[in-house]
């Protein structure tokens, strides 16, 4: 049994928090296929304090996806304290823990001085972790990069550890790289040897075999899967099979159909709109015959029903 803080997990493979992707339907699907822990997409601590209706809608959680961590972004320690106090009072049973986003580097994040930009102030990262820990007895984790432009991830990690962080996820690229270049897994191994909390490796996991490779090369305790799982929750079933039996399950035509049908059912159950559903289906098209045409059709679809019809036509259901 693996643990993050007091939380016991049934496996080692986690679903990454991804803006515009990790909605309630997709998270629930990934959990069903074997993700040990899922995360919300990044949510503004300040927006929670202001009780933004749009932000509160992002807090919808299904009983079948638990345990789930709420990922928060911002730059003011007091905002995090207030936001978690709000969640603990109104949504206590929804979330098993909280994650601080220090990895997002889109222009909006840099302009707003949150995400990867707060790595420029390691002490502030420590203050934020401290305020989060003060507001909850649940695990608090950190997701970060090597730094925004220069490497300072060890300094940031030690500040977080000094303030009680329960686990750290490292995506070993610089913030300014985005997803360009190659993730430097050696830095995950370096972090593992510098701190005494569980380490979650993230970055360039493209197939289930990469999970075994990352664990062997870095000694990380968990592996976080992001883009490889988009439209492919079956990835977690393959990964767990590989970790437990050292053999990988092949993905058959019927597996594509079954997964797509399950996602549609969940999307309808939770009343998701086309902008929530579209990214999953665009991801599902990857690698299929006629993928570019199929992706374009999903991209232009104006409703969930239209996407459902396109899916059924392609797979001749």
Protein backbone atom coordinates (compact mmCIF):
# COMPACT_ATOMS: atom_id res chain seq x y z
CA UNK A 1 0.00 0.00 0.00
CA UNK A 2 1.39 3.38 -1.02
CA UNK A 3 0.81 6.58 0.96
CA UNK A 4 0.83 10.36 0.56
CA UNK A 5 0.68 11.77 4.05
CA UNK A 6 -2.09 9.88 5.82
CA UNK A 7 -3.79 8.90 2.55
CA UNK A 8 -3.41 5.28 1.46
CA UNK A 9 -3.45 4.67 -2.29
CA UNK A 10 -4.07 1.43 -4.12
CA UNK A 11 -1.50 2.03 -6.86
CA UNK A 12 1.40 4.07 -8.19
CA UNK A 13 -0.01 5.72 -11.33
CA UNK A 14 -1.77 9.08 -11.00
CA UNK A 15 -3.73 11.29 -13.38
CA UNK A 16 -2.20 14.75 -13.78
CA UNK A 17 -4.23 17.93 -13.29
CA UNK A 18 -4.79 19.37 -16.78
CA UNK A 19 -6.69 22.55 -17.56
CA UNK A 20 -9.65 21.93 -19.91
CA UNK A 21 -9.25 18.15 -19.64
CA UNK A 22 -9.62 16.77 -16.13
CA UNK A 23 -13.33 17.35 -15.63
CA UNK A 24 -15.52 15.08 -13.52
CA UNK A 25 -16.36 12.67 -16.37
CA UNK A 26 -12.78 12.19 -17.52
CA UNK A 27 -11.46 11.80 -13.97
CA UNK A 28 -14.16 9.25 -13.11
CA UNK A 29 -13.34 7.31 -16.27
CA UNK A 30 -9.62 7.26 -15.48
CA UNK A 31 -10.34 6.12 -11.93
CA UNK A 32 -12.48 3.29 -13.28
CA UNK A 33 -9.56 2.20 -15.48
CA UNK A 34 -7.13 2.18 -12.57
CA UNK A 35 -5.76 5.66 -11.77
CA UNK A 36 -4.78 5.56 -8.09
CA UNK A 37 -5.36 9.29 -7.57
CA UNK A 38 -6.87 12.03 -9.72
CA UNK A 39 -6.65 15.83 -9.53
CA UNK A 40 -8.94 18.65 -10.53
CA UNK A 41 -7.74 21.06 -13.15
CA UNK A 42 -6.09 24.10 -11.61
CA UNK A 43 -8.55 26.29 -9.68
CA UNK A 44 -8.02 29.83 -8.46
CA UNK A 45 -7.77 30.23 -4.68
CA UNK A 46 -8.88 33.85 -5.01
CA UNK A 47 -11.92 32.90 -7.11
CA UNK A 48 -13.00 30.45 -4.41
CA UNK A 49 -12.80 33.19 -1.78
CA UNK A 50 -14.92 35.43 -4.02
CA UNK A 51 -17.39 32.53 -4.39
CA UNK A 52 -17.30 32.61 -8.17
CA UNK A 53 -20.17 30.47 -9.47
CA UNK A 54 -18.16 29.37 -12.50
CA UNK A 55 -15.30 28.25 -10.25
CA UNK A 56 -17.62 26.43 -7.86
CA UNK A 57 -19.02 24.48 -10.81
CA UNK A 58 -15.51 23.07 -11.28
CA UNK A 59 -15.72 21.52 -7.80
CA UNK A 60 -18.23 18.86 -8.89
CA UNK A 61 -16.89 15.47 -7.76
CA UNK A 62 -18.32 11.99 -8.28
CA UNK A 63 -18.23 9.33 -5.58
CA UNK A 64 -16.58 6.94 -8.03
CA UNK A 65 -13.52 9.10 -8.68
CA UNK A 66 -12.38 9.43 -5.08
CA UNK A 67 -9.75 9.94 -3.80
CA UNK A 68 -9.26 13.26 -5.57
CA UNK A 69 -7.00 16.23 -4.80
CA UNK A 70 -8.01 19.82 -5.42
CA UNK A 71 -5.27 21.73 -7.24
CA UNK A 72 -5.08 25.43 -6.37
CA UNK A 73 -3.19 28.33 -7.92
CA UNK A 74 -2.41 31.81 -6.70
CA UNK A 75 0.44 33.70 -5.02
CA UNK A 76 -0.89 34.99 -1.67
CA UNK A 77 -0.60 32.59 1.31
CA UNK A 78 -3.67 34.15 2.92
CA UNK A 79 -5.75 33.38 -0.17
CA UNK A 80 -4.88 29.70 0.13
CA UNK A 81 -5.75 29.64 3.82
CA UNK A 82 -9.14 31.22 3.16
CA UNK A 83 -9.83 29.05 0.12
CA UNK A 84 -9.13 25.79 1.95
CA UNK A 85 -11.16 26.94 4.94
CA UNK A 86 -14.05 27.52 2.54
CA UNK A 87 -13.63 24.08 0.94
CA UNK A 88 -13.30 22.32 4.30
CA UNK A 89 -16.58 23.83 5.48
CA UNK A 90 -18.66 23.40 2.33
CA UNK A 91 -17.01 20.51 0.45
CA UNK A 92 -15.22 18.61 3.19
CA UNK A 93 -16.15 15.14 1.92
CA UNK A 94 -15.24 15.91 -1.69
CA UNK A 95 -11.47 16.19 -1.53
CA UNK A 96 -8.80 13.97 0.03
CA UNK A 97 -6.06 16.58 -0.20
CA UNK A 98 -4.77 19.76 -1.83
CA UNK A 99 -2.08 20.47 -4.39
CA UNK A 100 -0.21 23.75 -5.03
CA UNK A 101 0.35 24.53 -8.69
CA UNK A 102 3.90 25.76 -9.33
CA UNK A 103 4.08 24.37 -12.84
CA UNK A 104 1.71 26.30 -15.10
CA UNK A 105 3.61 28.64 -17.42
CA UNK A 106 1.03 29.87 -19.90
CA UNK A 107 1.19 33.65 -20.52
CA UNK A 108 -1.87 34.24 -18.34
CA UNK A 109 -0.14 32.55 -15.38
CA UNK A 110 3.05 34.55 -15.81
CA UNK A 111 1.14 37.80 -16.16
CA UNK A 112 -0.82 37.00 -13.00
CA UNK A 113 2.34 35.93 -11.12
CA UNK A 114 1.09 32.45 -10.30
CA UNK A 115 1.95 28.93 -11.40
CA UNK A 116 5.61 28.47 -12.27
CA UNK A 117 6.36 32.16 -11.70
CA UNK A 118 6.09 31.76 -7.91
CA UNK A 119 9.09 29.44 -8.02
CA UNK A 120 11.05 32.69 -8.43
CA UNK A 121 10.28 33.27 -4.73
CA UNK A 122 11.01 29.97 -2.93
CA UNK A 123 10.21 31.43 0.50
CA UNK A 124 6.75 32.40 -0.68
CA UNK A 125 6.18 28.82 -1.84
CA UNK A 126 7.06 27.75 1.70
CA UNK A 127 4.68 30.32 3.18
CA UNK A 128 1.86 29.08 0.93
CA UNK A 129 2.46 25.44 1.89
CA UNK A 130 2.47 26.49 5.55
CA UNK A 131 -0.85 28.31 5.21
CA UNK A 132 -2.36 25.32 3.40
CA UNK A 133 -1.19 22.92 6.11
CA UNK A 134 -2.59 25.22 8.78
CA UNK A 135 -6.03 25.03 7.18
CA UNK A 136 -6.40 21.26 6.86
CA UNK A 137 -5.35 17.92 8.31
CA UNK A 138 -5.44 16.39 4.84
CA UNK A 139 -2.28 15.91 2.74
CA UNK A 140 -0.83 18.94 0.95
CA UNK A 141 1.34 18.43 -2.12
CA UNK A 142 3.32 20.54 -4.57
CA UNK A 143 3.59 20.25 -8.35
CA UNK A 144 6.52 22.14 -9.85
CA UNK A 145 9.05 22.40 -12.65
CA UNK A 146 12.81 22.88 -12.63
CA UNK A 147 12.24 26.61 -12.31
CA UNK A 148 10.83 29.31 -14.53
CA UNK A 149 14.01 30.20 -16.43
CA UNK A 150 16.79 29.02 -14.13
CA UNK A 151 17.09 25.88 -12.06
CA UNK A 152 16.02 26.28 -8.43
CA UNK A 153 13.74 23.27 -7.87
CA UNK A 154 15.85 21.88 -5.00
CA UNK A 155 15.63 25.17 -3.12
CA UNK A 156 11.86 25.34 -3.67
CA UNK A 157 11.44 21.69 -2.63
CA UNK A 158 13.37 22.22 0.60
CA UNK A 159 11.28 25.27 1.47
CA UNK A 160 8.15 23.18 0.88
CA UNK A 161 9.50 20.31 2.99
CA UNK A 162 10.46 22.66 5.82
CA UNK A 163 6.82 23.76 5.88
CA UNK A 164 5.30 20.30 5.94
CA UNK A 165 4.57 19.34 2.33
CA UNK A 166 3.51 15.68 2.07
CA UNK A 167 4.70 14.90 -1.48
CA UNK A 168 6.25 16.69 -4.46
CA UNK A 169 5.59 16.22 -8.17
CA UNK A 170 8.41 17.26 -10.50
CA UNK A 171 7.91 17.88 -14.21
CA UNK A 172 11.59 18.29 -15.13
CA UNK A 173 11.34 21.05 -17.70
CA UNK A 174 11.70 24.79 -17.22
CA UNK A 175 8.53 26.82 -17.21
CA UNK A 176 9.61 28.78 -20.27
CA UNK A 177 9.97 25.48 -22.20
CA UNK A 178 6.28 24.64 -21.98
CA UNK A 179 6.19 21.08 -23.33
CA UNK A 180 9.12 21.63 -25.70
CA UNK A 181 12.39 19.76 -25.51
CA UNK A 182 12.86 16.63 -23.46
CA UNK A 183 11.95 16.12 -19.80
CA UNK A 184 15.17 15.62 -17.83
CA UNK A 185 14.37 12.59 -15.67
CA UNK A 186 17.80 12.79 -14.02
CA UNK A 187 16.47 15.78 -12.08
CA UNK A 188 13.71 13.60 -10.59
CA UNK A 189 16.40 11.23 -9.30
CA UNK A 190 18.31 14.24 -7.94
CA UNK A 191 15.21 15.46 -6.10
CA UNK A 192 14.53 11.97 -4.73
CA UNK A 193 17.96 12.02 -3.09
CA UNK A 194 17.58 15.51 -1.63
CA UNK A 195 14.26 15.30 0.26
CA UNK A 196 12.44 12.84 2.50
CA UNK A 197 8.91 13.01 1.10
CA UNK A 198 7.36 10.86 -1.65
CA UNK A 199 8.34 11.97 -5.14
CA UNK A 200 5.94 11.87 -8.07
CA UNK A 201 7.62 11.80 -11.48
CA UNK A 202 5.93 13.56 -14.38
CA UNK A 203 6.84 14.36 -17.97
CA UNK A 204 7.25 12.48 -21.28
CA UNK A 205 5.26 9.42 -20.22
CA UNK A 206 4.10 8.42 -23.68
CA UNK A 207 3.40 4.71 -23.23
CA UNK A 208 3.03 2.31 -20.27
CA UNK A 209 6.59 1.05 -20.65
CA UNK A 210 7.81 4.58 -19.87
CA UNK A 211 6.40 4.18 -16.35
CA UNK A 212 8.69 1.24 -15.60
CA UNK A 213 11.59 3.13 -17.19
CA UNK A 214 10.97 6.28 -15.14
CA UNK A 215 10.67 4.36 -11.87
CA UNK A 216 13.90 2.48 -12.61
CA UNK A 217 15.85 5.60 -13.60
CA UNK A 218 14.57 7.97 -10.91
CA UNK A 219 13.43 5.84 -7.92
CA UNK A 220 10.25 7.97 -7.83
CA UNK A 221 7.44 6.66 -5.63
CA UNK A 222 4.64 7.47 -8.06
CA UNK A 223 4.30 8.35 -11.74
CA UNK A 224 1.88 11.02 -12.95
CA UNK A 225 0.39 10.63 -16.42
CA UNK A 226 -0.89 13.63 -18.36
CA UNK A 227 -1.25 13.97 -22.12
CA UNK A 228 -0.92 10.22 -22.80
CA UNK A 229 -4.21 9.62 -20.99
CA UNK A 230 -6.27 12.16 -22.96
CA UNK A 231 -8.86 10.13 -24.82
CA UNK A 232 -7.12 7.00 -23.53
CA UNK A 233 -8.12 6.10 -19.97
CA UNK A 234 -7.26 2.51 -20.95
CA UNK A 235 -3.64 3.62 -20.44
CA UNK A 236 -4.08 3.12 -16.68
CA UNK A 237 -5.28 -0.45 -17.15
CA UNK A 238 -2.24 -1.18 -19.28
CA UNK A 239 0.11 0.51 -16.82
CA UNK A 240 -1.20 -1.41 -13.82
CA UNK A 241 -1.01 -4.68 -15.71
CA UNK A 242 2.60 -3.94 -16.59
CA UNK A 243 3.50 -3.01 -13.01
CA UNK A 244 1.84 -6.04 -11.44
CA UNK A 245 2.35 -8.80 -14.00
CA UNK A 246 5.18 -7.33 -16.08
CA UNK A 247 3.10 -7.71 -19.22
CA UNK A 248 1.05 -5.18 -21.13
CA UNK A 249 -2.54 -5.58 -22.24
CA UNK A 250 -3.18 -4.91 -25.91
CA UNK A 251 -5.88 -2.36 -26.73
CA UNK A 252 -8.46 -3.92 -29.02
CA UNK A 253 -11.08 -2.26 -31.22
CA UNK A 254 -13.73 -3.19 -28.66
CA UNK A 255 -11.74 -1.38 -25.96
CA UNK A 256 -11.90 1.88 -27.95
CA UNK A 257 -15.65 1.45 -28.31
CA UNK A 258 -16.26 0.55 -24.66
CA UNK A 259 -14.19 3.47 -23.34
CA UNK A 260 -15.85 5.99 -25.66
CA UNK A 261 -19.31 4.78 -24.70
CA UNK A 262 -18.48 5.01 -20.99
CA UNK A 263 -17.20 8.55 -21.41
CA UNK A 264 -20.37 9.60 -23.24
CA UNK A 265 -22.50 8.11 -20.46
CA UNK A 266 -20.54 10.04 -17.82
CA UNK A 267 -20.62 13.26 -19.83
CA UNK A 268 -24.40 12.99 -20.10
CA UNK A 269 -24.77 12.03 -16.44
CA UNK A 270 -22.90 15.16 -15.33
CA UNK A 271 -24.43 17.44 -17.97
CA UNK A 272 -21.13 18.40 -19.56
CA UNK A 273 -21.11 20.78 -22.49
CA UNK A 274 -19.37 20.41 -25.86
CA UNK A 275 -16.26 22.30 -24.73
CA UNK A 276 -15.83 19.80 -21.88
CA UNK A 277 -16.36 16.76 -24.08
CA UNK A 278 -14.50 17.80 -27.25
CA UNK A 279 -10.90 17.48 -25.89
CA UNK A 280 -11.48 13.87 -24.90
CA UNK A 281 -12.72 12.85 -28.35
CA UNK A 282 -9.94 14.73 -30.14
CA UNK A 283 -7.51 12.75 -27.97
CA UNK A 284 -9.32 9.48 -28.68
CA UNK A 285 -8.86 10.01 -32.44
CA UNK A 286 -5.08 9.98 -32.09
CA UNK A 287 -3.55 6.99 -33.88
CA UNK A 288 -6.78 5.88 -35.55
CA UNK A 289 -7.14 5.50 -39.31
CA UNK A 290 -8.29 8.84 -40.66
CA UNK A 291 -7.36 10.58 -37.39
CA UNK A 292 -6.91 14.08 -38.86
CA UNK A 293 -10.35 14.06 -40.48
CA UNK A 294 -11.93 12.62 -37.34
CA UNK A 295 -10.28 15.23 -35.10
CA UNK A 296 -11.51 17.97 -37.41
CA UNK A 297 -15.07 16.65 -37.24
CA UNK A 298 -14.98 16.54 -33.45
CA UNK A 299 -13.44 20.01 -33.39
CA UNK A 300 -16.24 21.49 -35.48
CA UNK A 301 -19.08 19.69 -33.68
CA UNK A 302 -21.41 22.09 -31.92
CA UNK A 303 -23.05 19.74 -29.42
CA UNK A 304 -22.39 16.64 -27.35
CA UNK A 305 -25.05 14.79 -29.33
CA UNK A 306 -23.22 15.61 -32.56
CA UNK A 307 -19.94 14.27 -31.14
CA UNK A 308 -21.73 11.16 -29.95
CA UNK A 309 -23.07 10.61 -33.49
CA UNK A 310 -19.62 11.12 -35.04
CA UNK A 311 -18.18 8.57 -32.60
CA UNK A 312 -20.91 6.03 -33.34
CA UNK A 313 -20.54 6.51 -37.11
CA UNK A 314 -16.76 6.06 -37.02
CA UNK A 315 -16.94 2.90 -34.94
CA UNK A 316 -20.10 1.71 -36.71
CA UNK A 317 -21.99 1.19 -33.47
